[in-house]
Amino acid sequence: MDKLKISANGPLNGEITVSGAKNAALPLMCAGLLTSGTLRLKNVPMLADVKTTQKLLQGMGARVLTDNISEFEINGGTVNNTCAPYELVRTMRASILVLGPTLARFGEAQVSLPGGCAIGSRPVDQHLKGLEAMGAEIVIEHGYVKAKGKLKGTRVAMDVVTVGGTENLLMAATLAEGTTVLENCAIEPEVVDLAECLVKMGAKISGIGTSTMVVEGADELHGCEHSVVSDRIEAGTFLCAVAITGGRVVLRNAAPKTMEVVFGQTG
């Protein structure tokens, strides 16, 4: 499809429910690898990337159940494979997010270098540098990131702000020995949502929502129930459409605190 042609036919009116954010759901699903307990996720958008993540986790041995509407149950107690294969990782860059939790819990992980990103080249060097600083031995062979070692807390200052890098290192730090200080963190609502879920799982994290987070490593995490934060991009798109066309639309399940840019609020 080369273009979309939209013809106006008057003001928009009605009511619509905002979906959960895909960019929050994917790292939350990967967090299920951090525990042998069950992570119950609600408000999950049933999109292709979510289904791919489900297949990836199942391929690693995790037990993943879903109602195919908005809920998932992920049990990491059955994980028996620490390799994320190219066949799945190539279709979705977010698959690299299994690296941190798998390495932290099992002491080893093999993850194919990600592909499938239409935006362009977005390297994962910050992920790898952070894990190496935490004591991991990492080599890249035949297109795979191969990591092993027991992670230990340290200071990690990311060279650039990276959402995925922040999420990967945050998950890894929850099971690392000692204290990890993550600096120059991304502060997007999806990162905050992951951190809040990890706290429910027993992680000790301070500085959530700021550029510096401090993580006290735990011996183990447990399962919990968590609702994925609503998609701020979807909600913002609806709001902009209503503002342009006029009318009145009620957005159910929106999260206004994540939409300050749309509302013009800066603090």
C-alpha atoms as a PDB file:
ATOM      1  CA  MET A   1       0.000   0.000   0.000  1.00  0.00           C
ATOM      2  CA  ASP A   2       1.502   3.317  -1.112  1.00  0.00           C
ATOM      3  CA  LYS A   3      -0.841   5.659   0.709  1.00  0.00           C
ATOM      4  CA  LEU A   4      -3.984   6.025   2.755  1.00  0.00           C
ATOM      5  CA  LYS A   5      -6.695   8.402   1.583  1.00  0.00           C
ATOM      6  CA  ILE A   6      -8.978   9.644   4.340  1.00  0.00           C
ATOM      7  CA  SER A   7     -12.060  11.690   3.491  1.00  0.00           C
ATOM      8  CA  ALA A   8     -13.658  13.770   6.243  1.00  0.00           C
ATOM      9  CA  ASN A   9     -17.378  13.295   6.882  1.00  0.00           C
ATOM     10  CA  GLY A  10     -17.929  15.399   9.979  1.00  0.00           C
ATOM     11  CA  PRO A  11     -16.932  15.463  13.672  1.00  0.00           C
ATOM     12  CA  LEU A  12     -15.788  12.295  15.457  1.00  0.00           C
ATOM     13  CA  ASN A  13     -18.069  11.189  18.275  1.00  0.00           C
ATOM     14  CA  GLY A  14     -18.298   8.112  20.422  1.00  0.00           C
ATOM     15  CA  GLU A  15     -16.335   5.999  22.860  1.00  0.00           C
ATOM     16  CA  ILE A  16     -13.297   3.763  22.427  1.00  0.00           C
ATOM     17  CA  THR A  17     -11.055   1.700  24.693  1.00  0.00           C
ATOM     18  CA  VAL A  18      -7.313   2.303  24.446  1.00  0.00           C
ATOM     19  CA  SER A  19      -5.165  -0.821  24.077  1.00  0.00           C
ATOM     20  CA  GLY A  20      -2.216  -1.769  26.219  1.00  0.00           C
ATOM     21  CA  ALA A  21       1.144  -0.540  24.943  1.00  0.00           C
ATOM     22  CA  LYS A  22       3.036  -3.073  22.848  1.00  0.00           C
ATOM     23  CA  ASN A  23       6.351  -1.455  23.776  1.00  0.00           C
ATOM     24  CA  ALA A  24       5.541  -2.103  27.430  1.00  0.00           C
ATOM     25  CA  ALA A  25       4.081  -5.588  26.946  1.00  0.00           C
ATOM     26  CA  LEU A  26       7.135  -7.098  25.218  1.00  0.00           C
ATOM     27  CA  PRO A  27       9.710  -6.411  27.978  1.00  0.00           C
ATOM     28  CA  LEU A  28       7.128  -7.391  30.599  1.00  0.00           C
ATOM     29  CA  MET A  29       6.706 -10.769  28.909  1.00  0.00           C
ATOM     30  CA  CYS A  30      10.486 -11.215  28.873  1.00  0.00           C
ATOM     31  CA  ALA A  31      10.539 -10.445  32.604  1.00  0.00           C
ATOM     32  CA  GLY A  32       8.766 -13.764  33.068  1.00  0.00           C
ATOM     33  CA  LEU A  33      12.168 -15.400  32.529  1.00  0.00           C
ATOM     34  CA  LEU A  34      13.428 -13.907  35.801  1.00  0.00           C
ATOM     35  CA  THR A  35      11.358 -16.183  38.016  1.00  0.00           C
ATOM     36  CA  SER A  36      10.211 -19.760  38.402  1.00  0.00           C
ATOM     37  CA  GLY A  37       6.856 -18.358  39.486  1.00  0.00           C
ATOM     38  CA  THR A  38       3.943 -17.201  37.353  1.00  0.00           C
ATOM     39  CA  LEU A  39       3.711 -13.696  35.933  1.00  0.00           C
ATOM     40  CA  ARG A  40       0.116 -12.758  35.111  1.00  0.00           C
ATOM     41  CA  LEU A  41      -0.230  -9.900  32.650  1.00  0.00           C
ATOM     42  CA  LYS A  42      -3.450  -8.072  31.839  1.00  0.00           C
ATOM     43  CA  ASN A  43      -4.264  -5.444  29.196  1.00  0.00           C
ATOM     44  CA  VAL A  44      -1.874  -7.077  26.695  1.00  0.00           C
ATOM     45  CA  PRO A  45      -2.479  -6.057  23.053  1.00  0.00           C
ATOM     46  CA  MET A  46      -2.849  -9.118  20.843  1.00  0.00           C
ATOM     47  CA  LEU A  47      -0.437  -8.075  18.102  1.00  0.00           C
ATOM     48  CA  ALA A  48       1.997  -9.982  15.898  1.00  0.00           C
ATOM     49  CA  ASP A  49       5.035  -9.044  18.019  1.00  0.00           C
ATOM     50  CA  VAL A  50       3.278 -10.266  21.162  1.00  0.00           C
ATOM     51  CA  LYS A  51       2.566 -13.596  19.479  1.00  0.00           C
ATOM     52  CA  THR A  52       6.192 -13.801  18.357  1.00  0.00           C
ATOM     53  CA  THR A  53       7.361 -13.182  21.916  1.00  0.00           C
ATOM     54  CA  GLN A  54       4.995 -15.914  23.090  1.00  0.00           C
ATOM     55  CA  LYS A  55       6.574 -18.356  20.620  1.00  0.00           C
ATOM     56  CA  LEU A  56      10.062 -17.274  21.657  1.00  0.00           C
ATOM     57  CA  LEU A  57       9.370 -17.850  25.353  1.00  0.00           C
ATOM     58  CA  GLN A  58       7.711 -21.179  24.640  1.00  0.00           C
ATOM     59  CA  GLY A  59      10.710 -22.201  22.534  1.00  0.00           C
ATOM     60  CA  MET A  60      12.879 -21.565  25.575  1.00  0.00           C
ATOM     61  CA  GLY A  61      10.668 -23.892  27.592  1.00  0.00           C
ATOM     62  CA  ALA A  62       8.495 -21.367  29.420  1.00  0.00           C
ATOM     63  CA  ARG A  63       4.845 -22.236  29.949  1.00  0.00           C
ATOM     64  CA  VAL A  64       2.768 -19.499  28.333  1.00  0.00           C
ATOM     65  CA  LEU A  65      -1.018 -19.428  28.460  1.00  0.00           C
ATOM     66  CA  THR A  66      -3.318 -16.777  27.002  1.00  0.00           C
ATOM     67  CA  ASP A  67      -7.009 -16.092  26.600  1.00  0.00           C
ATOM     68  CA  ASN A  68      -6.177 -14.575  23.169  1.00  0.00           C
ATOM     69  CA  ILE A  69      -7.969 -11.405  24.230  1.00  0.00           C
ATOM     70  CA  SER A  70      -5.841  -9.454  26.679  1.00  0.00           C
ATOM     71  CA  GLU A  71      -4.286 -11.757  29.287  1.00  0.00           C
ATOM     72  CA  PHE A  72      -1.169 -13.911  29.555  1.00  0.00           C
ATOM     73  CA  GLU A  73       0.240 -16.239  32.177  1.00  0.00           C
ATOM     74  CA  ILE A  74       3.983 -16.866  31.897  1.00  0.00           C
ATOM     75  CA  ASN A  75       5.682 -19.465  34.068  1.00  0.00           C
ATOM     76  CA  GLY A  76       9.472 -19.530  33.848  1.00  0.00           C
ATOM     77  CA  GLY A  77       9.882 -22.576  36.066  1.00  0.00           C
ATOM     78  CA  THR A  78       9.995 -24.870  33.037  1.00  0.00           C
ATOM     79  CA  VAL A  79      12.654 -22.979  31.045  1.00  0.00           C
ATOM     80  CA  ASN A  80      15.183 -25.510  29.739  1.00  0.00           C
ATOM     81  CA  ASN A  81      16.754 -23.692  26.800  1.00  0.00           C
ATOM     82  CA  THR A  82      18.797 -20.491  27.051  1.00  0.00           C
ATOM     83  CA  CYS A  83      19.040 -19.929  23.288  1.00  0.00           C
ATOM     84  CA  ALA A  84      16.840 -17.510  21.338  1.00  0.00           C
ATOM     85  CA  PRO A  85      17.087 -18.631  17.685  1.00  0.00           C
ATOM     86  CA  TYR A  86      17.496 -16.508  14.574  1.00  0.00           C
ATOM     87  CA  GLU A  87      14.211 -17.719  13.081  1.00  0.00           C
ATOM     88  CA  LEU A  88      12.231 -15.763  15.667  1.00  0.00           C
ATOM     89  CA  VAL A  89      14.646 -13.019  16.683  1.00  0.00           C
ATOM     90  CA  ARG A  90      15.139 -11.836  13.098  1.00  0.00           C
ATOM     91  CA  THR A  91      11.496 -10.794  12.850  1.00  0.00           C
ATOM     92  CA  MET A  92      11.460  -8.645  15.971  1.00  0.00           C
ATOM     93  CA  ARG A  93      14.247  -6.523  17.411  1.00  0.00           C
ATOM     94  CA  ALA A  94      12.727  -6.575  20.895  1.00  0.00           C
ATOM     95  CA  SER A  95      13.743 -10.239  21.174  1.00  0.00           C
ATOM     96  CA  ILE A  96      17.121  -9.035  22.443  1.00  0.00           C
ATOM     97  CA  LEU A  97      15.298  -8.328  25.717  1.00  0.00           C
ATOM     98  CA  VAL A  98      15.512 -12.019  26.678  1.00  0.00           C
ATOM     99  CA  LEU A  99      19.304 -11.638  26.956  1.00  0.00           C
ATOM    100  CA  GLY A 100      19.483  -9.803  30.287  1.00  0.00           C
ATOM    101  CA  PRO A 101      16.969 -11.853  32.276  1.00  0.00           C
ATOM    102  CA  THR A 102      18.173 -15.201  30.883  1.00  0.00           C
ATOM    103  CA  LEU A 103      21.815 -14.460  31.631  1.00  0.00           C
ATOM    104  CA  ALA A 104      21.020 -13.123  35.099  1.00  0.00           C
ATOM    105  CA  ARG A 105      18.975 -16.150  36.127  1.00  0.00           C
ATOM    106  CA  PHE A 106      20.794 -19.008  34.400  1.00  0.00           C
ATOM    107  CA  GLY A 107      24.348 -17.688  34.052  1.00  0.00           C
ATOM    108  CA  GLU A 108      24.330 -18.109  30.270  1.00  0.00           C
ATOM    109  CA  ALA A 109      22.378 -17.005  27.223  1.00  0.00           C
ATOM    110  CA  GLN A 110      22.613 -17.167  23.439  1.00  0.00           C
ATOM    111  CA  VAL A 111      20.557 -14.681  21.463  1.00  0.00           C
ATOM    112  CA  SER A 112      20.675 -14.133  17.730  1.00  0.00           C
ATOM    113  CA  LEU A 113      21.513 -10.599  16.693  1.00  0.00           C
ATOM    114  CA  PRO A 114      18.163  -8.889  16.104  1.00  0.00           C
ATOM    115  CA  GLY A 115      16.718  -7.946  12.761  1.00  0.00           C
ATOM    116  CA  GLY A 116      13.410  -6.925  11.317  1.00  0.00           C
ATOM    117  CA  CYS A 117      13.762  -3.244  12.189  1.00  0.00           C
ATOM    118  CA  ALA A 118      12.499  -1.038   9.372  1.00  0.00           C
ATOM    119  CA  ILE A 119      13.690   2.182  11.064  1.00  0.00           C
ATOM    120  CA  GLY A 120      17.318   1.491  10.256  1.00  0.00           C
ATOM    121  CA  SER A 121      20.426   0.454  12.113  1.00  0.00           C
ATOM    122  CA  ARG A 122      19.966   0.506  15.880  1.00  0.00           C
ATOM    123  CA  PRO A 123      22.863  -1.379  17.458  1.00  0.00           C
ATOM    124  CA  VAL A 124      22.683  -3.198  20.781  1.00  0.00           C
ATOM    125  CA  ASP A 125      26.165  -2.196  21.900  1.00  0.00           C
ATOM    126  CA  GLN A 126      24.861  -0.451  25.039  1.00  0.00           C
ATOM    127  CA  HIS A 127      23.170  -3.684  26.127  1.00  0.00           C
ATOM    128  CA  LEU A 128      26.397  -5.641  25.713  1.00  0.00           C
ATOM    129  CA  LYS A 129      28.689  -3.041  27.268  1.00  0.00           C
ATOM    130  CA  GLY A 130      26.465  -2.838  30.328  1.00  0.00           C
ATOM    131  CA  LEU A 131      26.360  -6.609  30.802  1.00  0.00           C
ATOM    132  CA  GLU A 132      30.132  -6.802  30.367  1.00  0.00           C
ATOM    133  CA  ALA A 133      30.543  -4.147  33.044  1.00  0.00           C
ATOM    134  CA  MET A 134      28.448  -6.392  35.298  1.00  0.00           C
ATOM    135  CA  GLY A 135      30.894  -9.242  34.752  1.00  0.00           C
ATOM    136  CA  ALA A 136      29.520 -11.101  31.756  1.00  0.00           C
ATOM    137  CA  GLU A 137      31.820 -12.688  29.205  1.00  0.00           C
ATOM    138  CA  ILE A 138      30.384 -11.927  25.781  1.00  0.00           C
ATOM    139  CA  VAL A 139      31.437 -13.095  22.334  1.00  0.00           C
ATOM    140  CA  ILE A 140      29.644 -12.797  19.007  1.00  0.00           C
ATOM    141  CA  GLU A 141      29.873 -15.931  16.879  1.00  0.00           C
ATOM    142  CA  HIS A 142      27.939 -16.913  13.762  1.00  0.00           C
ATOM    143  CA  GLY A 143      25.437 -14.100  14.300  1.00  0.00           C
ATOM    144  CA  TYR A 144      24.756 -14.945  17.936  1.00  0.00           C
ATOM    145  CA  VAL A 145      25.485 -13.028  21.111  1.00  0.00           C
ATOM    146  CA  LYS A 146      26.879 -15.645  23.488  1.00  0.00           C
ATOM    147  CA  ALA A 147      27.057 -14.529  27.104  1.00  0.00           C
ATOM    148  CA  LYS A 148      27.966 -16.297  30.306  1.00  0.00           C
ATOM    149  CA  GLY A 149      28.998 -15.511  33.865  1.00  0.00           C
ATOM    150  CA  LYS A 150      27.591 -14.516  37.225  1.00  0.00           C
ATOM    151  CA  LEU A 151      26.517 -10.900  37.194  1.00  0.00           C
ATOM    152  CA  LYS A 152      27.682  -8.509  39.887  1.00  0.00           C
ATOM    153  CA  GLY A 153      26.449  -5.051  40.708  1.00  0.00           C
ATOM    154  CA  THR A 154      28.425  -2.089  39.420  1.00  0.00           C
ATOM    155  CA  ARG A 155      27.996   1.408  38.007  1.00  0.00           C
ATOM    156  CA  VAL A 156      26.816   1.462  34.406  1.00  0.00           C
ATOM    157  CA  ALA A 157      26.697   4.806  32.596  1.00  0.00           C
ATOM    158  CA  MET A 158      25.075   4.338  29.196  1.00  0.00           C
ATOM    159  CA  ASP A 159      26.697   6.408  26.445  1.00  0.00           C
ATOM    160  CA  VAL A 160      23.329   7.208  24.894  1.00  0.00           C
ATOM    161  CA  VAL A 161      19.775   7.038  26.153  1.00  0.00           C
ATOM    162  CA  THR A 162      18.306   3.717  25.056  1.00  0.00           C
ATOM    163  CA  VAL A 163      14.937   2.292  26.037  1.00  0.00           C
ATOM    164  CA  GLY A 164      15.799  -1.312  25.218  1.00  0.00           C
ATOM    165  CA  GLY A 165      19.225  -1.046  26.805  1.00  0.00           C
ATOM    166  CA  THR A 166      17.746   0.388  29.992  1.00  0.00           C
ATOM    167  CA  GLU A 167      15.157  -2.398  30.131  1.00  0.00           C
ATOM    168  CA  ASN A 168      17.668  -5.186  29.477  1.00  0.00           C
ATOM    169  CA  LEU A 169      20.147  -3.957  32.085  1.00  0.00           C
ATOM    170  CA  LEU A 170      17.394  -3.221  34.603  1.00  0.00           C
ATOM    171  CA  MET A 171      16.100  -6.788  34.382  1.00  0.00           C
ATOM    172  CA  ALA A 172      19.608  -8.210  34.608  1.00  0.00           C
ATOM    173  CA  ALA A 173      20.439  -6.078  37.645  1.00  0.00           C
ATOM    174  CA  THR A 174      17.501  -7.424  39.661  1.00  0.00           C
ATOM    175  CA  LEU A 175      19.304 -10.783  40.075  1.00  0.00           C
ATOM    176  CA  ALA A 176      22.891  -9.499  40.046  1.00  0.00           C
ATOM    177  CA  GLU A 177      24.952  -9.806  43.204  1.00  0.00           C
ATOM    178  CA  GLY A 178      25.176  -6.485  45.037  1.00  0.00           C
ATOM    179  CA  THR A 179      24.155  -2.985  43.987  1.00  0.00           C
ATOM    180  CA  THR A 180      23.891  -1.756  40.403  1.00  0.00           C
ATOM    181  CA  VAL A 181      23.671   1.936  39.554  1.00  0.00           C
ATOM    182  CA  LEU A 182      22.232   2.600  36.089  1.00  0.00           C
ATOM    183  CA  GLU A 183      22.914   6.103  34.781  1.00  0.00           C
ATOM    184  CA  ASN A 184      21.541   7.935  31.731  1.00  0.00           C
ATOM    185  CA  CYS A 185      18.461   5.705  31.804  1.00  0.00           C
ATOM    186  CA  ALA A 186      15.500   6.134  29.491  1.00  0.00           C
ATOM    187  CA  ILE A 187      12.504   7.499  31.408  1.00  0.00           C
ATOM    188  CA  GLU A 188       9.673   6.574  29.023  1.00  0.00           C
ATOM    189  CA  PRO A 189       6.427   5.311  30.621  1.00  0.00           C
ATOM    190  CA  GLU A 190       7.140   1.827  29.261  1.00  0.00           C
ATOM    191  CA  VAL A 191      10.409   1.699  31.242  1.00  0.00           C
ATOM    192  CA  VAL A 192       8.584   2.899  34.356  1.00  0.00           C
ATOM    193  CA  ASP A 193       5.914   0.226  33.832  1.00  0.00           C
ATOM    194  CA  LEU A 194       8.554  -2.503  33.650  1.00  0.00           C
ATOM    195  CA  ALA A 195      10.286  -1.227  36.781  1.00  0.00           C
ATOM    196  CA  GLU A 196       7.010  -1.148  38.702  1.00  0.00           C
ATOM    197  CA  CYS A 197       6.247  -4.725  37.673  1.00  0.00           C
ATOM    198  CA  LEU A 198       9.731  -5.854  38.732  1.00  0.00           C
ATOM    199  CA  VAL A 199       9.140  -4.289  42.153  1.00  0.00           C
ATOM    200  CA  LYS A 200       5.922  -6.324  42.435  1.00  0.00           C
ATOM    201  CA  MET A 201       8.061  -9.389  41.664  1.00  0.00           C
ATOM    202  CA  GLY A 202      10.329  -8.601  44.591  1.00  0.00           C
ATOM    203  CA  ALA A 203      13.004  -6.424  42.984  1.00  0.00           C
ATOM    204  CA  LYS A 204      14.472  -3.531  44.967  1.00  0.00           C
ATOM    205  CA  ILE A 205      14.653  -0.504  42.674  1.00  0.00           C
ATOM    206  CA  SER A 206      14.894   3.176  43.566  1.00  0.00           C
ATOM    207  CA  GLY A 207      14.843   6.177  41.247  1.00  0.00           C
ATOM    208  CA  ILE A 208      12.068   4.815  39.036  1.00  0.00           C
ATOM    209  CA  GLY A 209      11.084   7.440  36.469  1.00  0.00           C
ATOM    210  CA  THR A 210      14.423   9.254  36.697  1.00  0.00           C
ATOM    211  CA  SER A 211      17.624   9.011  34.675  1.00  0.00           C
ATOM    212  CA  THR A 212      19.416   7.183  37.498  1.00  0.00           C
ATOM    213  CA  MET A 213      18.091   3.941  38.966  1.00  0.00           C
ATOM    214  CA  VAL A 214      19.685   1.976  41.784  1.00  0.00           C
ATOM    215  CA  VAL A 215      19.006  -1.764  41.960  1.00  0.00           C
ATOM    216  CA  GLU A 216      19.750  -3.977  44.947  1.00  0.00           C
ATOM    217  CA  GLY A 217      20.159  -7.486  43.579  1.00  0.00           C
ATOM    218  CA  ALA A 218      17.879 -10.203  44.964  1.00  0.00           C
ATOM    219  CA  ASP A 219      18.513 -13.945  45.269  1.00  0.00           C
ATOM    220  CA  GLU A 220      15.292 -14.643  43.416  1.00  0.00           C
ATOM    221  CA  LEU A 221      12.092 -13.001  42.225  1.00  0.00           C
ATOM    222  CA  HIS A 222       8.537 -14.291  42.440  1.00  0.00           C
ATOM    223  CA  GLY A 223       5.461 -14.088  40.273  1.00  0.00           C
ATOM    224  CA  CYS A 224       2.873 -11.322  40.398  1.00  0.00           C
ATOM    225  CA  GLU A 225      -0.077  -9.821  38.568  1.00  0.00           C
ATOM    226  CA  HIS A 226       0.382  -6.663  36.526  1.00  0.00           C
ATOM    227  CA  SER A 227      -1.659  -4.648  34.048  1.00  0.00           C
ATOM    228  CA  VAL A 228       0.232  -3.284  31.040  1.00  0.00           C
ATOM    229  CA  VAL A 229       0.207   0.506  30.821  1.00  0.00           C
ATOM    230  CA  SER A 230      -2.100   1.926  28.154  1.00  0.00           C
ATOM    231  CA  ASP A 231      -0.699   2.903  24.778  1.00  0.00           C
ATOM    232  CA  ARG A 232       0.008   6.642  24.887  1.00  0.00           C
ATOM    233  CA  ILE A 233       0.619   6.791  21.129  1.00  0.00           C
ATOM    234  CA  GLU A 234      -2.732   5.217  20.329  1.00  0.00           C
ATOM    235  CA  ALA A 235      -4.535   7.486  22.792  1.00  0.00           C
ATOM    236  CA  GLY A 236      -2.711  10.569  21.510  1.00  0.00           C
ATOM    237  CA  THR A 237      -3.619   9.703  17.922  1.00  0.00           C
ATOM    238  CA  PHE A 238      -7.310   9.549  18.799  1.00  0.00           C
ATOM    239  CA  LEU A 239      -7.087  12.853  20.666  1.00  0.00           C
ATOM    240  CA  CYS A 240      -5.420  14.578  17.736  1.00  0.00           C
ATOM    241  CA  ALA A 241      -8.058  13.227  15.344  1.00  0.00           C
ATOM    242  CA  VAL A 242     -10.843  14.546  17.565  1.00  0.00           C
ATOM    243  CA  ALA A 243      -9.136  17.922  17.904  1.00  0.00           C
ATOM    244  CA  ILE A 244      -8.836  18.231  14.121  1.00  0.00           C
ATOM    245  CA  THR A 245     -12.385  17.144  13.268  1.00  0.00           C
ATOM    246  CA  GLY A 246     -14.272  18.432  16.297  1.00  0.00           C
ATOM    247  CA  GLY A 247     -16.800  16.381  18.212  1.00  0.00           C
ATOM    248  CA  ARG A 248     -16.555  14.498  21.477  1.00  0.00           C
ATOM    249  CA  VAL A 249     -14.894  11.136  22.096  1.00  0.00           C
ATOM    250  CA  VAL A 250     -14.451   9.310  25.402  1.00  0.00           C
ATOM    251  CA  LEU A 251     -11.243   7.318  25.712  1.00  0.00           C
ATOM    252  CA  ARG A 252     -11.556   4.436  28.139  1.00  0.00           C
ATOM    253  CA  ASN A 253      -8.455   2.953  29.758  1.00  0.00           C
ATOM    254  CA  ALA A 254      -6.270   5.933  28.863  1.00  0.00           C
ATOM    255  CA  ALA A 255      -3.318   6.959  31.044  1.00  0.00           C
ATOM    256  CA  PRO A 256      -3.201  10.792  31.126  1.00  0.00           C
ATOM    257  CA  LYS A 257       0.022  10.886  33.164  1.00  0.00           C
ATOM    258  CA  THR A 258       1.889   9.345  30.230  1.00  0.00           C
ATOM    259  CA  MET A 259       0.589  11.921  27.745  1.00  0.00           C
ATOM    260  CA  GLU A 260       2.015  15.227  28.954  1.00  0.00           C
ATOM    261  CA  VAL A 261       3.462  15.991  25.517  1.00  0.00           C
ATOM    262  CA  VAL A 262       0.012  15.720  23.928  1.00  0.00           C
ATOM    263  CA  PHE A 263      -1.575  17.885  26.601  1.00  0.00           C
ATOM    264  CA  GLY A 264       1.196  20.440  26.475  1.00  0.00           C
ATOM    265  CA  GLN A 265       2.202  19.867  30.113  1.00  0.00           C
ATOM    266  CA  THR A 266       5.835  19.917  31.095  1.00  0.00           C
ATOM    267  CA  GLY A 267       5.616  19.255  34.820  1.00  0.00           C
END
